[in-house]
Protein backbone atom coordinates (compact mmCIF):
# COMPACT_ATOMS: atom_id res chain seq x y z
CA MET A 1 -61.10 1.56 -20.49
CA LYS A 2 -57.43 0.80 -21.07
CA THR A 3 -56.70 4.40 -22.07
CA MET A 4 -58.49 5.81 -19.02
CA LEU A 5 -56.02 4.26 -16.57
CA PRO A 6 -52.88 5.88 -18.07
CA LEU A 7 -54.67 9.23 -18.44
CA ARG A 8 -55.77 9.10 -14.81
CA PHE A 9 -52.24 8.14 -13.75
CA ILE A 10 -50.71 11.02 -15.76
CA SER A 11 -53.22 13.54 -14.37
CA ILE A 12 -52.46 12.43 -10.79
CA ILE A 13 -48.71 12.78 -11.37
CA PHE A 14 -49.13 16.18 -13.04
CA SER A 15 -51.31 17.54 -10.24
CA THR A 16 -48.87 16.21 -7.62
CA ILE A 17 -45.97 17.99 -9.34
CA LEU A 18 -47.91 21.25 -9.49
CA PHE A 19 -48.93 20.98 -5.86
CA SER A 20 -45.42 20.20 -4.63
CA SER A 21 -43.83 23.02 -6.64
CA GLY A 22 -46.17 25.50 -4.97
CA CYS A 23 -45.13 24.35 -1.51
CA GLN A 24 -41.42 25.11 -1.84
CA LYS A 25 -39.96 27.87 0.31
CA LYS A 26 -38.29 30.88 -1.21
CA THR A 27 -35.30 31.49 1.09
CA ALA A 28 -33.98 34.55 -0.73
CA ALA A 29 -37.21 36.43 -0.12
CA THR A 30 -37.25 35.66 3.61
CA ASN A 31 -33.57 36.32 4.23
CA PRO A 32 -33.26 39.72 5.94
CA ASN A 33 -29.62 40.05 4.89
CA SER A 34 -30.60 40.03 1.23
CA ARG A 35 -32.00 43.54 1.35
CA SER A 36 -30.23 46.08 -0.77
CA LYS A 37 -29.20 49.56 0.35
CA ASN A 38 -32.09 51.08 -1.58
CA GLU A 39 -34.54 48.94 0.37
CA LEU A 40 -32.93 50.03 3.63
CA ARG A 41 -33.16 53.65 2.59
CA GLU A 42 -36.83 53.21 1.68
CA SER A 43 -37.52 51.68 5.08
CA THR A 44 -36.42 54.91 6.81
CA LYS A 45 -38.66 57.12 4.69
CA PRO A 46 -41.25 57.48 7.47
CA LEU A 47 -38.59 59.18 9.59
CA GLN A 48 -38.91 62.15 7.27
CA ALA A 49 -42.34 62.75 8.83
CA ALA A 50 -40.59 63.80 12.04
CA ASP A 51 -40.56 67.27 10.47
CA LEU A 52 -44.26 67.50 11.24
CA VAL A 53 -43.70 67.37 15.00
CA GLY A 54 -40.73 69.72 15.14
CA TYR A 55 -37.75 67.41 14.65
CA ASP A 56 -35.31 67.55 11.76
CA GLY A 57 -36.46 64.49 9.81
CA THR A 58 -33.63 64.68 7.27
CA LYS A 59 -30.97 64.74 9.97
CA LEU A 60 -32.68 61.91 11.83
CA ARG A 61 -32.90 59.83 8.66
CA LYS A 62 -29.21 60.39 7.83
CA SER A 63 -28.28 59.43 11.37
CA VAL A 64 -30.20 56.17 11.08
CA HIS A 65 -28.49 55.48 7.73
CA ARG A 66 -25.06 55.94 9.29
CA ILE A 67 -25.98 53.62 12.14
CA THR A 68 -27.36 50.89 9.85
CA GLU A 69 -24.36 51.11 7.53
CA ALA A 70 -21.98 50.83 10.49
CA ASN A 71 -23.98 47.87 11.78
CA ASP A 72 -23.87 46.16 8.38
CA LYS A 73 -20.11 46.74 8.18
CA HIS A 74 -19.62 45.32 11.67
CA ASN A 75 -21.75 42.28 10.86
CA GLN A 76 -19.76 41.68 7.69
CA GLU A 77 -16.47 41.86 9.64
CA ILE A 78 -17.78 39.35 12.17
CA LYS A 79 -18.96 37.07 9.38
CA ASN A 80 -15.52 37.23 7.75
CA MET A 81 -13.82 36.48 11.06
CA VAL A 82 -16.04 33.46 11.64
CA GLU A 83 -15.45 32.14 8.12
CA THR A 84 -11.66 32.46 8.36
CA GLY A 85 -11.44 31.37 12.01
CA GLU A 86 -9.55 34.46 13.19
CA GLY A 87 -11.61 34.87 16.32
CA GLN A 88 -9.99 31.94 18.12
């Protein structure tokens, strides 16, 4: 009976640790800014299907890439300005 109490206590602690580790958030996976350029390029792959309805899908896809790259560059400049305090 004396050994049952510590075993029960250890099993409760172990299960609590396992349960709490499964509840932690993964911020890197939910952060939209953590996407790489390859992921951005893959996200525009459906634009290639515009060829099927008469548009130039390759040109459309390249145009979207230029726009997203310019947007990323602009966002990075703003972020740098905010961090250094130049915008005041």
